[in-house]
Amino acid sequence: MPISVKICTFLIFAGINLRFVTENVINALIFFNILQSGSPGIKFDIHAPSLPDIYGDIIMVIVFAVAYLFTPAAAIKRTVKNLPGNLKDDLDERYQEVIKQLKNYLKKKELAPLLSHIHKGSIRQIKRYTCWTKDIFCVVSVGFGLYLFSKYILSVGLEVLNIENENINFILNSLNDVIKLCSSLLFVYIYCSYLSTNRVINFIIYGFFFIRNFFSTNAIGLFTECDVHVVAPFLDVLTPIIIIYTMFYFFANYRTTLLFKIVGIKKNVTV
């Protein structure tokens, strides 16, 4: 697998984990007064972007910007799609030598029928994962763009403008809440795709982040008389548990995960 694809894939995965930590874990720490500025004049609030949020988002911007530098260009994606998938591939001498040694090994082990699939399988993987990485970066860019637009432009704009028309105000706030919910679910989709989790775990992770963001948006603006947003920090306490569990799941099933297949992470210990 091209090294640029490996780096881009890993940075996207790291950025998504950072996104969950910034949005969820910091939110809980601020709510329970574990994380505060220490200055009487500055108090962090879960209802508005705080300094820890801003710093975390800046780091995320840097991570995704670096990932973009390693994203396969459109021309590379087109070239990869046009690669032939047979034994007549125009490969460099080093790779040909490796294939030759592999062929000799398979012949000694009486596995000659597998010879015709050596080039075909490897090139199919390069095609699939290079194109997938390019496409998934577009998805994560949309999710991150929606997240930043909602958090720093739409939310702040609605607070500053203070629209008097209740109907327009309700529609814009509901739209903002839907954007928050959708952006979070886009990250969850990529996260589960990388880990190749089964349906049960997917359902749990999707359900958790949907319920968490449903409450954090005051049930998409449906509840205005009471602040159900306070339920979200209590759920955020579970976020580190989910991240730790998914990491355990990854190392327990690492060879079946898409992240391993692209990045090629080595396993040093037996789980």
C-alpha atoms as a PDB file:
ATOM      1  CA  MET A   1       0.000   0.000   0.000  1.00  0.00           C
ATOM      2  CA  PRO A   2       1.398   3.478  -0.875  1.00  0.00           C
ATOM      3  CA  ILE A   3       2.841   5.182   2.205  1.00  0.00           C
ATOM      4  CA  SER A   4       0.819   8.346   1.524  1.00  0.00           C
ATOM      5  CA  VAL A   5      -2.430   6.368   1.743  1.00  0.00           C
ATOM      6  CA  LYS A   6      -1.316   4.785   5.024  1.00  0.00           C
ATOM      7  CA  ILE A   7      -0.415   8.148   6.590  1.00  0.00           C
ATOM      8  CA  CYS A   8      -3.622   9.806   5.381  1.00  0.00           C
ATOM      9  CA  THR A   9      -5.764   6.942   6.710  1.00  0.00           C
ATOM     10  CA  PHE A  10      -4.094   6.963  10.122  1.00  0.00           C
ATOM     11  CA  LEU A  11      -4.337  10.755  10.476  1.00  0.00           C
ATOM     12  CA  ILE A  12      -8.051  10.703   9.643  1.00  0.00           C
ATOM     13  CA  PHE A  13      -8.613   8.021  12.274  1.00  0.00           C
ATOM     14  CA  ALA A  14      -6.575   9.977  14.837  1.00  0.00           C
ATOM     15  CA  GLY A  15      -8.483  13.162  13.975  1.00  0.00           C
ATOM     16  CA  ILE A  16     -11.835  11.461  14.542  1.00  0.00           C
ATOM     17  CA  ASN A  17     -10.736  10.259  17.985  1.00  0.00           C
ATOM     18  CA  LEU A  18      -9.567  13.785  18.740  1.00  0.00           C
ATOM     19  CA  ARG A  19     -12.965  15.079  17.609  1.00  0.00           C
ATOM     20  CA  PHE A  20     -14.744  12.815  20.111  1.00  0.00           C
ATOM     21  CA  VAL A  21     -12.395  13.876  22.902  1.00  0.00           C
ATOM     22  CA  THR A  22     -12.769  17.593  22.128  1.00  0.00           C
ATOM     23  CA  GLU A  23     -16.540  17.584  21.792  1.00  0.00           C
ATOM     24  CA  ASN A  24     -17.507  15.008  24.423  1.00  0.00           C
ATOM     25  CA  VAL A  25     -14.816  14.563  27.061  1.00  0.00           C
ATOM     26  CA  ILE A  26     -13.970  18.268  27.409  1.00  0.00           C
ATOM     27  CA  ASN A  27     -17.698  19.027  27.588  1.00  0.00           C
ATOM     28  CA  ALA A  28     -18.055  16.714  30.604  1.00  0.00           C
ATOM     29  CA  LEU A  29     -14.923  18.043  32.310  1.00  0.00           C
ATOM     30  CA  ILE A  30     -16.205  21.613  32.021  1.00  0.00           C
ATOM     31  CA  PHE A  31     -19.708  20.721  33.213  1.00  0.00           C
ATOM     32  CA  PHE A  32     -18.411  19.002  36.352  1.00  0.00           C
ATOM     33  CA  ASN A  33     -15.965  21.902  36.999  1.00  0.00           C
ATOM     34  CA  ILE A  34     -12.966  19.601  36.636  1.00  0.00           C
ATOM     35  CA  LEU A  35     -11.579  21.747  33.830  1.00  0.00           C
ATOM     36  CA  GLN A  36     -11.724  25.503  34.456  1.00  0.00           C
ATOM     37  CA  SER A  37      -9.491  28.455  33.723  1.00  0.00           C
ATOM     38  CA  GLY A  38      -8.650  29.181  37.362  1.00  0.00           C
ATOM     39  CA  SER A  39      -9.428  32.838  36.799  1.00  0.00           C
ATOM     40  CA  PRO A  40     -12.554  34.301  38.488  1.00  0.00           C
ATOM     41  CA  GLY A  41     -13.213  36.463  35.454  1.00  0.00           C
ATOM     42  CA  ILE A  42     -13.166  33.576  32.969  1.00  0.00           C
ATOM     43  CA  LYS A  43     -15.533  30.638  33.386  1.00  0.00           C
ATOM     44  CA  PHE A  44     -15.872  27.952  30.750  1.00  0.00           C
ATOM     45  CA  ASP A  45     -19.426  27.185  29.637  1.00  0.00           C
ATOM     46  CA  ILE A  46     -20.754  24.077  27.874  1.00  0.00           C
ATOM     47  CA  HIS A  47     -23.259  26.179  25.917  1.00  0.00           C
ATOM     48  CA  ALA A  48     -20.580  28.121  24.023  1.00  0.00           C
ATOM     49  CA  PRO A  49     -17.114  27.392  22.583  1.00  0.00           C
ATOM     50  CA  SER A  50     -14.503  27.608  25.346  1.00  0.00           C
ATOM     51  CA  LEU A  51     -10.722  27.893  25.152  1.00  0.00           C
ATOM     52  CA  PRO A  52     -10.182  24.097  25.507  1.00  0.00           C
ATOM     53  CA  ASP A  53     -12.708  23.585  22.687  1.00  0.00           C
ATOM     54  CA  ILE A  54     -10.956  26.108  20.486  1.00  0.00           C
ATOM     55  CA  TYR A  55      -7.506  24.636  21.151  1.00  0.00           C
ATOM     56  CA  GLY A  56      -8.805  21.135  20.436  1.00  0.00           C
ATOM     57  CA  ASP A  57     -10.422  22.270  17.191  1.00  0.00           C
ATOM     58  CA  ILE A  58      -7.221  24.029  16.122  1.00  0.00           C
ATOM     59  CA  ILE A  59      -5.308  20.782  16.622  1.00  0.00           C
ATOM     60  CA  MET A  60      -7.985  18.962  14.611  1.00  0.00           C
ATOM     61  CA  VAL A  61      -7.623  21.467  11.782  1.00  0.00           C
ATOM     62  CA  ILE A  62      -3.873  20.842  11.756  1.00  0.00           C
ATOM     63  CA  VAL A  63      -4.323  17.037  11.786  1.00  0.00           C
ATOM     64  CA  PHE A  64      -6.815  17.076   8.908  1.00  0.00           C
ATOM     65  CA  ALA A  65      -4.700  19.619   7.009  1.00  0.00           C
ATOM     66  CA  VAL A  66      -1.691  17.288   7.223  1.00  0.00           C
ATOM     67  CA  ALA A  67      -3.939  14.370   6.202  1.00  0.00           C
ATOM     68  CA  TYR A  68      -4.985  16.409   3.162  1.00  0.00           C
ATOM     69  CA  LEU A  69      -1.338  16.747   2.125  1.00  0.00           C
ATOM     70  CA  PHE A  70      -1.139  12.937   1.955  1.00  0.00           C
ATOM     71  CA  THR A  71      -4.546  12.453   0.337  1.00  0.00           C
ATOM     72  CA  PRO A  72      -4.251  10.735  -3.065  1.00  0.00           C
ATOM     73  CA  ALA A  73      -4.705  13.345  -5.765  1.00  0.00           C
ATOM     74  CA  ALA A  74      -7.522  12.969  -8.275  1.00  0.00           C
ATOM     75  CA  ALA A  75      -4.976  12.145 -10.989  1.00  0.00           C
ATOM     76  CA  ILE A  76      -3.501   9.372  -8.832  1.00  0.00           C
ATOM     77  CA  LYS A  77      -6.971   8.016  -8.148  1.00  0.00           C
ATOM     78  CA  ARG A  78      -7.699   7.874 -11.890  1.00  0.00           C
ATOM     79  CA  THR A  79      -4.333   6.207 -12.542  1.00  0.00           C
ATOM     80  CA  VAL A  80      -4.922   3.600  -9.848  1.00  0.00           C
ATOM     81  CA  LYS A  81      -8.354   2.803 -11.272  1.00  0.00           C
ATOM     82  CA  ASN A  82      -6.762   2.148 -14.659  1.00  0.00           C
ATOM     83  CA  LEU A  83      -4.117  -0.222 -13.319  1.00  0.00           C
ATOM     84  CA  PRO A  84      -4.316  -3.674 -14.961  1.00  0.00           C
ATOM     85  CA  GLY A  85      -5.018  -6.623 -12.716  1.00  0.00           C
ATOM     86  CA  ASN A  86      -2.975  -9.433 -14.274  1.00  0.00           C
ATOM     87  CA  LEU A  87       0.542 -10.858 -14.342  1.00  0.00           C
ATOM     88  CA  LYS A  88       1.664  -8.499 -17.122  1.00  0.00           C
ATOM     89  CA  ASP A  89       1.681  -5.434 -14.855  1.00  0.00           C
ATOM     90  CA  ASP A  90       4.428  -2.940 -15.512  1.00  0.00           C
ATOM     91  CA  LEU A  91       6.056  -3.037 -12.053  1.00  0.00           C
ATOM     92  CA  ASP A  92       9.498  -1.959 -10.892  1.00  0.00           C
ATOM     93  CA  GLU A  93      12.378  -4.424 -10.608  1.00  0.00           C
ATOM     94  CA  ARG A  94      12.343  -4.593  -6.823  1.00  0.00           C
ATOM     95  CA  TYR A  95       8.705  -5.565  -6.686  1.00  0.00           C
ATOM     96  CA  GLN A  96       9.206  -8.094  -9.454  1.00  0.00           C
ATOM     97  CA  GLU A  97      12.013  -9.679  -7.443  1.00  0.00           C
ATOM     98  CA  VAL A  98       9.770  -9.977  -4.385  1.00  0.00           C
ATOM     99  CA  ILE A  99       7.060 -11.571  -6.503  1.00  0.00           C
ATOM    100  CA  LYS A 100       9.596 -13.982  -7.950  1.00  0.00           C
ATOM    101  CA  GLN A 101      10.681 -15.092  -4.475  1.00  0.00           C
ATOM    102  CA  LEU A 102       7.054 -15.475  -3.458  1.00  0.00           C
ATOM    103  CA  LYS A 103       6.367 -17.616  -6.504  1.00  0.00           C
ATOM    104  CA  ASN A 104       9.282 -19.901  -5.683  1.00  0.00           C
ATOM    105  CA  TYR A 105       8.033 -20.234  -2.124  1.00  0.00           C
ATOM    106  CA  LEU A 106       4.519 -21.143  -3.273  1.00  0.00           C
ATOM    107  CA  LYS A 107       5.900 -23.711  -5.713  1.00  0.00           C
ATOM    108  CA  LYS A 108       7.884 -25.383  -2.945  1.00  0.00           C
ATOM    109  CA  LYS A 109       4.772 -25.494  -0.779  1.00  0.00           C
ATOM    110  CA  GLU A 110       2.780 -26.976  -3.701  1.00  0.00           C
ATOM    111  CA  LEU A 111       0.494 -23.959  -3.851  1.00  0.00           C
ATOM    112  CA  ALA A 112       1.016 -23.214  -7.543  1.00  0.00           C
ATOM    113  CA  PRO A 113      -2.717 -22.499  -8.237  1.00  0.00           C
ATOM    114  CA  LEU A 114      -2.388 -19.339  -6.152  1.00  0.00           C
ATOM    115  CA  LEU A 115       0.301 -17.883  -8.423  1.00  0.00           C
ATOM    116  CA  SER A 116      -2.142 -16.313 -10.856  1.00  0.00           C
ATOM    117  CA  HIS A 117      -3.729 -14.286  -8.062  1.00  0.00           C
ATOM    118  CA  ILE A 118      -0.578 -12.667  -6.663  1.00  0.00           C
ATOM    119  CA  HIS A 119      -0.591  -9.528  -8.797  1.00  0.00           C
ATOM    120  CA  LYS A 120      -4.333  -9.488  -9.225  1.00  0.00           C
ATOM    121  CA  GLY A 121      -5.096  -9.504  -5.506  1.00  0.00           C
ATOM    122  CA  SER A 122      -2.495  -6.934  -4.511  1.00  0.00           C
ATOM    123  CA  ILE A 123      -3.435  -4.482  -7.231  1.00  0.00           C
ATOM    124  CA  ARG A 124      -7.119  -4.846  -6.456  1.00  0.00           C
ATOM    125  CA  GLN A 125      -6.348  -3.891  -2.867  1.00  0.00           C
ATOM    126  CA  ILE A 126      -4.312  -0.871  -3.962  1.00  0.00           C
ATOM    127  CA  LYS A 127      -7.188   0.220  -6.206  1.00  0.00           C
ATOM    128  CA  ARG A 128      -9.811  -0.298  -3.542  1.00  0.00           C
ATOM    129  CA  TYR A 129      -8.042   1.293  -0.576  1.00  0.00           C
ATOM    130  CA  THR A 130      -6.532   4.235  -2.465  1.00  0.00           C
ATOM    131  CA  CYS A 131      -9.920   5.203  -3.874  1.00  0.00           C
ATOM    132  CA  TRP A 132     -11.630   4.542  -0.518  1.00  0.00           C
ATOM    133  CA  THR A 133      -9.160   6.789   1.319  1.00  0.00           C
ATOM    134  CA  LYS A 134      -9.736   9.579  -1.184  1.00  0.00           C
ATOM    135  CA  ASP A 135     -13.514   9.274  -0.881  1.00  0.00           C
ATOM    136  CA  ILE A 136     -13.534   8.974   2.908  1.00  0.00           C
ATOM    137  CA  PHE A 137     -11.450  12.138   3.250  1.00  0.00           C
ATOM    138  CA  CYS A 138     -14.185  13.953   1.323  1.00  0.00           C
ATOM    139  CA  VAL A 139     -16.766  12.583   3.779  1.00  0.00           C
ATOM    140  CA  VAL A 140     -14.731  13.596   6.834  1.00  0.00           C
ATOM    141  CA  SER A 141     -14.177  17.051   5.297  1.00  0.00           C
ATOM    142  CA  VAL A 142     -17.945  17.502   4.945  1.00  0.00           C
ATOM    143  CA  GLY A 143     -18.484  16.345   8.540  1.00  0.00           C
ATOM    144  CA  PHE A 144     -15.750  18.587   9.914  1.00  0.00           C
ATOM    145  CA  GLY A 145     -16.936  21.530   7.826  1.00  0.00           C
ATOM    146  CA  LEU A 146     -20.500  21.138   9.121  1.00  0.00           C
ATOM    147  CA  TYR A 147     -19.158  20.857  12.666  1.00  0.00           C
ATOM    148  CA  LEU A 148     -17.126  24.083  12.419  1.00  0.00           C
ATOM    149  CA  PHE A 149     -19.890  25.939  10.558  1.00  0.00           C
ATOM    150  CA  SER A 150     -22.462  25.021  13.206  1.00  0.00           C
ATOM    151  CA  LYS A 151     -20.209  25.676  16.189  1.00  0.00           C
ATOM    152  CA  TYR A 152     -18.462  28.909  15.225  1.00  0.00           C
ATOM    153  CA  ILE A 153     -20.663  30.557  12.607  1.00  0.00           C
ATOM    154  CA  LEU A 154     -24.302  29.512  12.873  1.00  0.00           C
ATOM    155  CA  SER A 155     -24.458  29.121  16.667  1.00  0.00           C
ATOM    156  CA  VAL A 156     -22.564  32.345  17.360  1.00  0.00           C
ATOM    157  CA  GLY A 157     -24.522  34.174  14.657  1.00  0.00           C
ATOM    158  CA  LEU A 158     -27.863  33.166  16.158  1.00  0.00           C
ATOM    159  CA  GLU A 159     -26.713  34.382  19.573  1.00  0.00           C
ATOM    160  CA  VAL A 160     -25.492  37.726  18.224  1.00  0.00           C
ATOM    161  CA  LEU A 161     -28.417  38.454  15.883  1.00  0.00           C
ATOM    162  CA  ASN A 162     -31.096  37.558  18.441  1.00  0.00           C
ATOM    163  CA  ILE A 163     -33.825  37.158  15.814  1.00  0.00           C
ATOM    164  CA  GLU A 164     -37.170  38.399  17.103  1.00  0.00           C
ATOM    165  CA  ASN A 165     -39.359  36.362  14.743  1.00  0.00           C
ATOM    166  CA  GLU A 166     -40.016  33.174  16.717  1.00  0.00           C
ATOM    167  CA  ASN A 167     -40.755  31.018  13.659  1.00  0.00           C
ATOM    168  CA  ILE A 168     -37.562  31.972  11.819  1.00  0.00           C
ATOM    169  CA  ASN A 169     -35.562  31.659  15.032  1.00  0.00           C
ATOM    170  CA  PHE A 170     -36.976  28.165  15.656  1.00  0.00           C
ATOM    171  CA  ILE A 171     -36.253  27.036  12.086  1.00  0.00           C
ATOM    172  CA  LEU A 172     -32.650  28.282  12.143  1.00  0.00           C
ATOM    173  CA  ASN A 173     -31.949  26.798  15.577  1.00  0.00           C
ATOM    174  CA  SER A 174     -33.490  23.471  14.538  1.00  0.00           C
ATOM    175  CA  LEU A 175     -31.392  23.506  11.353  1.00  0.00           C
ATOM    176  CA  ASN A 176     -28.303  24.175  13.468  1.00  0.00           C
ATOM    177  CA  ASP A 177     -29.184  21.251  15.742  1.00  0.00           C
ATOM    178  CA  VAL A 178     -29.724  18.903  12.789  1.00  0.00           C
ATOM    179  CA  ILE A 179     -26.322  19.910  11.368  1.00  0.00           C
ATOM    180  CA  LYS A 180     -24.686  19.104  14.722  1.00  0.00           C
ATOM    181  CA  LEU A 181     -26.360  15.708  14.800  1.00  0.00           C
ATOM    182  CA  CYS A 182     -25.542  14.819  11.192  1.00  0.00           C
ATOM    183  CA  SER A 183     -21.892  15.888  11.434  1.00  0.00           C
ATOM    184  CA  SER A 184     -21.425  13.677  14.483  1.00  0.00           C
ATOM    185  CA  LEU A 185     -23.000  10.667  12.745  1.00  0.00           C
ATOM    186  CA  LEU A 186     -20.714  11.163   9.728  1.00  0.00           C
ATOM    187  CA  PHE A 187     -17.710  10.799  12.032  1.00  0.00           C
ATOM    188  CA  VAL A 188     -19.266   7.713  13.628  1.00  0.00           C
ATOM    189  CA  TYR A 189     -19.784   6.167  10.179  1.00  0.00           C
ATOM    190  CA  ILE A 190     -16.098   6.576   9.294  1.00  0.00           C
ATOM    191  CA  TYR A 191     -15.035   5.426  12.763  1.00  0.00           C
ATOM    192  CA  CYS A 192     -17.026   2.183  12.508  1.00  0.00           C
ATOM    193  CA  SER A 193     -15.846   1.638   8.927  1.00  0.00           C
ATOM    194  CA  TYR A 194     -12.197   1.842  10.001  1.00  0.00           C
ATOM    195  CA  LEU A 195     -12.701  -0.599  12.871  1.00  0.00           C
ATOM    196  CA  SER A 196     -14.959  -2.909  10.804  1.00  0.00           C
ATOM    197  CA  THR A 197     -17.112  -3.475  13.887  1.00  0.00           C
ATOM    198  CA  ASN A 198     -20.065  -5.867  13.761  1.00  0.00           C
ATOM    199  CA  ARG A 199     -23.694  -4.777  13.593  1.00  0.00           C
ATOM    200  CA  VAL A 200     -24.294  -4.945  17.333  1.00  0.00           C
ATOM    201  CA  ILE A 201     -21.347  -2.681  18.170  1.00  0.00           C
ATOM    202  CA  ASN A 202     -22.281  -0.369  15.293  1.00  0.00           C
ATOM    203  CA  PHE A 203     -25.798  -0.076  16.686  1.00  0.00           C
ATOM    204  CA  ILE A 204     -24.459   0.722  20.167  1.00  0.00           C
ATOM    205  CA  ILE A 205     -21.998   3.377  18.932  1.00  0.00           C
ATOM    206  CA  TYR A 206     -24.512   5.003  16.583  1.00  0.00           C
ATOM    207  CA  GLY A 207     -27.167   4.894  19.299  1.00  0.00           C
ATOM    208  CA  PHE A 208     -24.885   6.449  21.894  1.00  0.00           C
ATOM    209  CA  PHE A 209     -23.775   9.392  19.752  1.00  0.00           C
ATOM    210  CA  PHE A 210     -27.292   9.956  18.402  1.00  0.00           C
ATOM    211  CA  ILE A 211     -28.824  10.051  21.893  1.00  0.00           C
ATOM    212  CA  ARG A 212     -25.949  12.152  23.248  1.00  0.00           C
ATOM    213  CA  ASN A 213     -26.284  14.783  20.517  1.00  0.00           C
ATOM    214  CA  PHE A 214     -30.073  14.598  20.627  1.00  0.00           C
ATOM    215  CA  PHE A 215     -29.951  15.726  24.255  1.00  0.00           C
ATOM    216  CA  SER A 216     -27.098  18.189  23.686  1.00  0.00           C
ATOM    217  CA  THR A 217     -29.281  20.017  21.147  1.00  0.00           C
ATOM    218  CA  ASN A 218     -32.270  20.122  23.532  1.00  0.00           C
ATOM    219  CA  ALA A 219     -33.953  17.403  21.464  1.00  0.00           C
ATOM    220  CA  ILE A 220     -33.336  19.410  18.257  1.00  0.00           C
ATOM    221  CA  GLY A 221     -34.995  22.461  19.805  1.00  0.00           C
ATOM    222  CA  LEU A 222     -38.235  20.702  20.661  1.00  0.00           C
ATOM    223  CA  PHE A 223     -37.801  21.394  24.381  1.00  0.00           C
ATOM    224  CA  THR A 224     -37.467  25.081  25.165  1.00  0.00           C
ATOM    225  CA  GLU A 225     -38.906  25.235  28.677  1.00  0.00           C
ATOM    226  CA  CYS A 226     -36.261  22.949  30.227  1.00  0.00           C
ATOM    227  CA  ASP A 227     -32.563  22.479  29.529  1.00  0.00           C
ATOM    228  CA  VAL A 228     -32.178  18.799  28.663  1.00  0.00           C
ATOM    229  CA  HIS A 229     -28.681  19.698  27.429  1.00  0.00           C
ATOM    230  CA  VAL A 230     -27.422  18.829  30.932  1.00  0.00           C
ATOM    231  CA  VAL A 231     -28.052  15.139  30.169  1.00  0.00           C
ATOM    232  CA  ALA A 232     -25.260  15.183  27.563  1.00  0.00           C
ATOM    233  CA  PRO A 233     -22.344  15.674  30.016  1.00  0.00           C
ATOM    234  CA  PHE A 234     -23.489  12.650  32.013  1.00  0.00           C
ATOM    235  CA  LEU A 235     -23.476  10.594  28.824  1.00  0.00           C
ATOM    236  CA  ASP A 236     -20.095  12.068  27.863  1.00  0.00           C
ATOM    237  CA  VAL A 237     -18.591  10.221  30.811  1.00  0.00           C
ATOM    238  CA  LEU A 238     -19.121   7.052  28.747  1.00  0.00           C
ATOM    239  CA  THR A 239     -17.150   8.371  25.754  1.00  0.00           C
ATOM    240  CA  PRO A 240     -13.695   7.303  27.057  1.00  0.00           C
ATOM    241  CA  ILE A 241     -15.152   3.866  27.798  1.00  0.00           C
ATOM    242  CA  ILE A 242     -16.393   3.576  24.197  1.00  0.00           C
ATOM    243  CA  ILE A 243     -13.031   4.700  22.790  1.00  0.00           C
ATOM    244  CA  ILE A 244     -11.125   2.272  25.033  1.00  0.00           C
ATOM    245  CA  TYR A 245     -13.487  -0.577  24.165  1.00  0.00           C
ATOM    246  CA  THR A 246     -13.225   0.068  20.427  1.00  0.00           C
ATOM    247  CA  MET A 247      -9.434   0.123  20.735  1.00  0.00           C
ATOM    248  CA  PHE A 248      -9.587  -3.224  22.536  1.00  0.00           C
ATOM    249  CA  TYR A 249     -11.904  -4.478  19.795  1.00  0.00           C
ATOM    250  CA  PHE A 250      -9.404  -3.318  17.196  1.00  0.00           C
ATOM    251  CA  PHE A 251      -6.451  -5.125  18.766  1.00  0.00           C
ATOM    252  CA  ALA A 252      -8.542  -8.249  19.383  1.00  0.00           C
ATOM    253  CA  ASN A 253      -9.731  -8.341  15.750  1.00  0.00           C
ATOM    254  CA  TYR A 254      -7.002  -6.283  14.138  1.00  0.00           C
ATOM    255  CA  ARG A 255      -6.518  -8.417  11.017  1.00  0.00           C
ATOM    256  CA  THR A 256     -10.171  -8.064  10.024  1.00  0.00           C
ATOM    257  CA  THR A 257     -10.313  -4.285  10.437  1.00  0.00           C
ATOM    258  CA  LEU A 258     -10.070  -1.946   7.490  1.00  0.00           C
ATOM    259  CA  LEU A 259      -7.604   0.223   9.399  1.00  0.00           C
ATOM    260  CA  PHE A 260      -5.159  -2.687   9.631  1.00  0.00           C
ATOM    261  CA  LYS A 261      -5.601  -3.645   5.986  1.00  0.00           C
ATOM    262  CA  ILE A 262      -4.715  -0.132   4.827  1.00  0.00           C
ATOM    263  CA  VAL A 263      -2.165   0.988   7.416  1.00  0.00           C
ATOM    264  CA  GLY A 264      -0.665  -2.458   7.984  1.00  0.00           C
ATOM    265  CA  ILE A 265      -0.310  -2.152  11.764  1.00  0.00           C
ATOM    266  CA  LYS A 266       1.789  -4.886  13.303  1.00  0.00           C
ATOM    267  CA  LYS A 267       0.594  -6.770  16.335  1.00  0.00           C
ATOM    268  CA  ASN A 268       3.283  -7.317  18.949  1.00  0.00           C
ATOM    269  CA  VAL A 269       1.218  -8.891  21.696  1.00  0.00           C
ATOM    270  CA  THR A 270      -1.376 -11.602  21.796  1.00  0.00           C
ATOM    271  CA  VAL A 271      -4.834 -10.545  22.892  1.00  0.00           C
END
